[in-house]
Amino acid sequence: MSVQAWQPPRRIDAIDFWLRTRLLAAAHALRETLRPSARRWPADSHALADAPVLAQHRTPLWSDGRADEFPLVAGKVQNLRVARRAFDAVEVPAARC
């Protein structure tokens, strides 16, 4: 078996990849819209503003660790930023884990 040399992707490959990602994103959005168990509060609702805090956990995002760990920590912080936006206004019932 021979090893082929790496070649940059062709334009058609990039278009194919873009179309597949859009299709998967649309399918995911449709599943989330039709899923009855996902109860979401309206973005302008303040219904939970006066609710009691049941649990809280804080940890520093940026560690004072080694310089070679910086890309990993920066990736963690970016993932948390994305996740925070995704979970904004999502109600998690107390009886579920």
N, C-alpha and C. Protein backbone atom coordinates (compact mmCIF):
# COMPACT_ATOMS: atom_id res chain seq x y z
N MET A 1 0.85 -1.17 0.00
CA MET A 1 0.00 0.00 0.00
C MET A 1 0.90 1.23 0.00
N SER A 2 0.63 2.17 -0.89
CA SER A 2 1.47 3.37 -0.97
C SER A 2 0.81 4.51 -0.20
N VAL A 3 1.64 5.38 0.32
CA VAL A 3 1.17 6.55 1.06
C VAL A 3 1.11 7.72 0.10
N GLN A 4 -0.06 8.33 -0.01
CA GLN A 4 -0.22 9.46 -0.92
C GLN A 4 0.24 10.74 -0.23
N ALA A 5 0.84 11.61 -1.00
CA ALA A 5 1.28 12.90 -0.46
C ALA A 5 0.06 13.77 -0.19
N TRP A 6 0.17 14.57 0.85
CA TRP A 6 -0.95 15.46 1.20
C TRP A 6 -1.12 16.51 0.13
N GLN A 7 -2.35 16.80 -0.19
CA GLN A 7 -2.66 17.85 -1.15
C GLN A 7 -3.73 18.75 -0.54
N PRO A 8 -3.66 20.04 -0.82
CA PRO A 8 -4.70 20.93 -0.28
C PRO A 8 -6.06 20.53 -0.85
N PRO A 9 -7.11 20.75 -0.08
CA PRO A 9 -8.45 20.38 -0.57
C PRO A 9 -8.84 21.21 -1.79
N ARG A 10 -9.56 20.56 -2.66
CA ARG A 10 -10.06 21.26 -3.84
C ARG A 10 -11.29 22.08 -3.45
N ARG A 11 -11.66 23.00 -4.30
CA ARG A 11 -12.82 23.85 -4.03
C ARG A 11 -14.09 23.01 -3.87
N ILE A 12 -14.22 21.98 -4.69
CA ILE A 12 -15.41 21.12 -4.60
C ILE A 12 -15.45 20.40 -3.26
N ASP A 13 -14.27 20.02 -2.73
CA ASP A 13 -14.21 19.38 -1.41
C ASP A 13 -14.66 20.35 -0.32
N ALA A 14 -14.24 21.60 -0.43
CA ALA A 14 -14.64 22.61 0.55
C ALA A 14 -16.14 22.86 0.49
N ILE A 15 -16.69 22.92 -0.70
CA ILE A 15 -18.14 23.13 -0.86
C ILE A 15 -18.90 21.93 -0.29
N ASP A 16 -18.42 20.73 -0.58
CA ASP A 16 -19.05 19.52 -0.06
C ASP A 16 -19.03 19.52 1.47
N PHE A 17 -17.90 19.87 2.06
CA PHE A 17 -17.79 19.92 3.52
C PHE A 17 -18.75 20.96 4.09
N TRP A 18 -18.80 22.14 3.47
CA TRP A 18 -19.69 23.21 3.96
C TRP A 18 -21.15 22.76 3.89
N LEU A 19 -21.53 22.15 2.78
CA LEU A 19 -22.92 21.69 2.65
C LEU A 19 -23.27 20.62 3.68
N ARG A 20 -22.35 19.68 3.92
CA ARG A 20 -22.62 18.64 4.91
C ARG A 20 -22.76 19.23 6.32
N THR A 21 -21.91 20.22 6.66
CA THR A 21 -22.01 20.83 7.99
C THR A 21 -23.33 21.58 8.13
N ARG A 22 -23.76 22.27 7.11
CA ARG A 22 -25.05 23.00 7.17
C ARG A 22 -26.20 22.02 7.31
N LEU A 23 -26.15 20.91 6.59
CA LEU A 23 -27.20 19.91 6.67
C LEU A 23 -27.26 19.31 8.07
N LEU A 24 -26.12 18.97 8.64
CA LEU A 24 -26.10 18.43 10.00
C LEU A 24 -26.59 19.45 11.02
N ALA A 25 -26.21 20.71 10.85
CA ALA A 25 -26.68 21.75 11.77
C ALA A 25 -28.19 21.94 11.66
N ALA A 26 -28.71 21.90 10.45
CA ALA A 26 -30.16 22.04 10.26
C ALA A 26 -30.90 20.85 10.87
N ALA A 27 -30.37 19.65 10.69
CA ALA A 27 -31.01 18.47 11.27
C ALA A 27 -31.00 18.55 12.79
N HIS A 28 -29.90 19.01 13.36
CA HIS A 28 -29.82 19.16 14.81
C HIS A 28 -30.82 20.20 15.31
N ALA A 29 -30.91 21.33 14.62
CA ALA A 29 -31.86 22.37 15.02
C ALA A 29 -33.29 21.86 14.95
N LEU A 30 -33.61 21.10 13.93
CA LEU A 30 -34.96 20.54 13.79
C LEU A 30 -35.26 19.56 14.93
N ARG A 31 -34.29 18.70 15.26
CA ARG A 31 -34.49 17.76 16.38
C ARG A 31 -34.72 18.51 17.68
N GLU A 32 -33.94 19.55 17.92
CA GLU A 32 -34.09 20.31 19.16
C GLU A 32 -35.42 21.05 19.21
N THR A 33 -35.89 21.52 18.09
CA THR A 33 -37.18 22.22 18.03
C THR A 33 -38.33 21.27 18.31
N LEU A 34 -38.25 20.06 17.79
CA LEU A 34 -39.34 19.11 17.92
C LEU A 34 -39.28 18.29 19.21
N ARG A 35 -38.19 18.40 19.96
CA ARG A 35 -38.04 17.62 21.19
C ARG A 35 -38.88 18.25 22.30
N PRO A 36 -39.89 17.54 22.79
CA PRO A 36 -40.78 18.13 23.80
C PRO A 36 -40.11 18.28 25.17
N SER A 37 -39.06 17.53 25.43
CA SER A 37 -38.45 17.61 26.76
C SER A 37 -37.58 18.85 26.94
N ALA A 38 -37.28 19.55 25.87
CA ALA A 38 -36.47 20.77 25.99
C ALA A 38 -37.38 21.95 26.28
N ARG A 39 -37.48 22.31 27.54
CA ARG A 39 -38.30 23.46 27.93
C ARG A 39 -37.39 24.67 28.01
N ARG A 40 -37.70 25.69 27.27
CA ARG A 40 -36.86 26.87 27.24
C ARG A 40 -37.67 28.09 27.65
N TRP A 41 -37.03 28.96 28.39
CA TRP A 41 -37.65 30.22 28.77
C TRP A 41 -37.42 31.22 27.66
N PRO A 42 -38.36 32.12 27.43
CA PRO A 42 -38.12 33.17 26.45
C PRO A 42 -36.90 34.00 26.87
N ALA A 43 -36.19 34.50 25.88
CA ALA A 43 -34.95 35.23 26.16
C ALA A 43 -35.19 36.46 27.04
N ASP A 44 -36.34 37.10 26.91
CA ASP A 44 -36.61 38.31 27.69
C ASP A 44 -37.32 38.01 29.02
N SER A 45 -37.53 36.75 29.32
CA SER A 45 -38.21 36.37 30.55
C SER A 45 -37.26 36.45 31.74
N HIS A 46 -37.78 36.94 32.84
CA HIS A 46 -37.00 37.01 34.08
C HIS A 46 -37.67 36.14 35.15
N ALA A 47 -38.32 35.07 34.70
CA ALA A 47 -39.07 34.23 35.62
C ALA A 47 -38.15 33.55 36.64
N LEU A 48 -36.93 33.27 36.26
CA LEU A 48 -36.02 32.59 37.17
C LEU A 48 -35.16 33.56 37.99
N ALA A 49 -35.30 34.84 37.76
CA ALA A 49 -34.45 35.82 38.43
C ALA A 49 -34.59 35.77 39.94
N ASP A 50 -35.80 35.50 40.44
CA ASP A 50 -36.03 35.47 41.89
C ASP A 50 -36.04 34.06 42.46
N ALA A 51 -35.75 33.07 41.63
CA ALA A 51 -35.75 31.68 42.10
C ALA A 51 -34.54 31.44 42.99
N PRO A 52 -34.67 30.55 43.97
CA PRO A 52 -33.52 30.27 44.85
C PRO A 52 -32.43 29.53 44.10
N VAL A 53 -31.19 29.79 44.47
CA VAL A 53 -30.05 29.08 43.90
C VAL A 53 -29.91 27.76 44.66
N LEU A 54 -29.99 26.66 43.94
CA LEU A 54 -29.93 25.34 44.56
C LEU A 54 -28.51 24.80 44.65
N ALA A 55 -27.68 25.17 43.71
CA ALA A 55 -26.29 24.70 43.72
C ALA A 55 -25.44 25.71 42.96
N GLN A 56 -24.20 25.78 43.36
CA GLN A 56 -23.28 26.70 42.70
C GLN A 56 -21.87 26.15 42.85
N HIS A 57 -21.10 26.28 41.80
CA HIS A 57 -19.71 25.83 41.84
C HIS A 57 -18.86 26.83 41.06
N ARG A 58 -17.77 27.24 41.64
CA ARG A 58 -16.87 28.18 40.96
C ARG A 58 -15.46 27.62 40.97
N THR A 59 -14.81 27.78 39.84
CA THR A 59 -13.42 27.38 39.72
C THR A 59 -12.74 28.39 38.80
N PRO A 60 -11.49 28.69 39.03
CA PRO A 60 -10.82 29.66 38.16
C PRO A 60 -10.72 29.12 36.73
N LEU A 61 -11.02 29.98 35.77
CA LEU A 61 -10.92 29.57 34.37
C LEU A 61 -9.46 29.50 33.93
N TRP A 62 -8.71 30.48 34.30
CA TRP A 62 -7.31 30.56 33.87
C TRP A 62 -6.44 30.07 35.01
N SER A 63 -5.63 29.08 34.74
CA SER A 63 -4.73 28.56 35.76
C SER A 63 -3.39 29.28 35.67
N ASP A 64 -2.63 29.20 36.72
CA ASP A 64 -1.28 29.77 36.73
C ASP A 64 -0.28 28.69 36.36
N GLY A 65 -0.71 27.79 35.49
CA GLY A 65 0.10 26.63 35.14
C GLY A 65 1.21 26.96 34.16
N ARG A 66 1.71 25.92 33.58
CA ARG A 66 2.84 26.03 32.66
C ARG A 66 2.41 26.66 31.34
N ALA A 67 3.37 27.26 30.66
CA ALA A 67 3.10 27.91 29.38
C ALA A 67 2.65 26.91 28.32
N ASP A 68 3.13 25.67 28.41
CA ASP A 68 2.73 24.69 27.41
C ASP A 68 1.29 24.23 27.59
N GLU A 69 0.67 24.54 28.73
CA GLU A 69 -0.74 24.20 28.95
C GLU A 69 -1.67 25.32 28.49
N PHE A 70 -1.13 26.47 28.13
CA PHE A 70 -1.97 27.61 27.77
C PHE A 70 -2.95 27.28 26.64
N PRO A 71 -2.53 26.62 25.54
CA PRO A 71 -3.52 26.32 24.49
C PRO A 71 -4.68 25.46 24.99
N LEU A 72 -4.40 24.54 25.89
CA LEU A 72 -5.47 23.70 26.43
C LEU A 72 -6.43 24.51 27.29
N VAL A 73 -5.89 25.38 28.12
CA VAL A 73 -6.72 26.21 28.99
C VAL A 73 -7.52 27.21 28.14
N ALA A 74 -6.89 27.78 27.13
CA ALA A 74 -7.60 28.71 26.25
C ALA A 74 -8.73 28.00 25.52
N GLY A 75 -8.51 26.76 25.11
CA GLY A 75 -9.57 25.98 24.47
C GLY A 75 -10.72 25.71 25.42
N LYS A 76 -10.39 25.42 26.68
CA LYS A 76 -11.43 25.18 27.69
C LYS A 76 -12.29 26.43 27.89
N VAL A 77 -11.63 27.57 27.98
CA VAL A 77 -12.35 28.83 28.19
C VAL A 77 -13.27 29.11 26.99
N GLN A 78 -12.78 28.88 25.77
CA GLN A 78 -13.62 29.11 24.60
C GLN A 78 -14.80 28.15 24.58
N ASN A 79 -14.58 26.89 24.92
CA ASN A 79 -15.69 25.92 24.96
C ASN A 79 -16.74 26.34 25.99
N LEU A 80 -16.30 26.87 27.13
CA LEU A 80 -17.25 27.32 28.14
C LEU A 80 -18.03 28.53 27.66
N ARG A 81 -17.39 29.41 26.90
CA ARG A 81 -18.12 30.56 26.34
C ARG A 81 -19.23 30.09 25.40
N VAL A 82 -18.91 29.13 24.56
CA VAL A 82 -19.90 28.60 23.61
C VAL A 82 -21.02 27.89 24.37
N ALA A 83 -20.65 27.08 25.36
CA ALA A 83 -21.66 26.33 26.13
C ALA A 83 -22.56 27.27 26.92
N ARG A 84 -22.02 28.35 27.45
CA ARG A 84 -22.83 29.29 28.21
C ARG A 84 -23.93 29.86 27.34
N ARG A 85 -23.61 30.22 26.12
CA ARG A 85 -24.63 30.74 25.21
C ARG A 85 -25.67 29.68 24.89
N ALA A 86 -25.24 28.43 24.74
CA ALA A 86 -26.17 27.35 24.39
C ALA A 86 -27.11 27.02 25.54
N PHE A 87 -26.65 27.16 26.79
CA PHE A 87 -27.47 26.81 27.94
C PHE A 87 -28.21 27.99 28.54
N ASP A 88 -28.06 29.17 27.98
CA ASP A 88 -28.74 30.34 28.50
C ASP A 88 -30.25 30.15 28.39
N ALA A 89 -30.95 30.35 29.47
CA ALA A 89 -32.42 30.26 29.55
C ALA A 89 -32.95 28.84 29.45
N VAL A 90 -32.13 27.84 29.70
CA VAL A 90 -32.61 26.45 29.71
C VAL A 90 -32.92 26.06 31.14
N GLU A 91 -34.10 25.55 31.34
CA GLU A 91 -34.52 25.11 32.67
C GLU A 91 -34.20 23.64 32.84
N VAL A 92 -33.52 23.31 33.92
CA VAL A 92 -33.21 21.92 34.25
C VAL A 92 -34.04 21.56 35.47
N PRO A 93 -35.00 20.65 35.34
CA PRO A 93 -35.83 20.28 36.48
C PRO A 93 -34.99 19.69 37.61
N ALA A 94 -35.37 19.94 38.84
CA ALA A 94 -34.62 19.50 40.01
C ALA A 94 -34.63 17.99 40.17
N ALA A 95 -35.62 17.30 39.66
CA ALA A 95 -35.74 15.86 39.89
C ALA A 95 -34.91 15.03 38.93
N ARG A 96 -34.24 15.67 37.97
CA ARG A 96 -33.47 14.91 36.97
C ARG A 96 -31.98 15.13 37.16
N CYS A 97 -31.22 14.14 36.73
CA CYS A 97 -29.76 14.24 36.78
C CYS A 97 -29.20 14.38 35.41
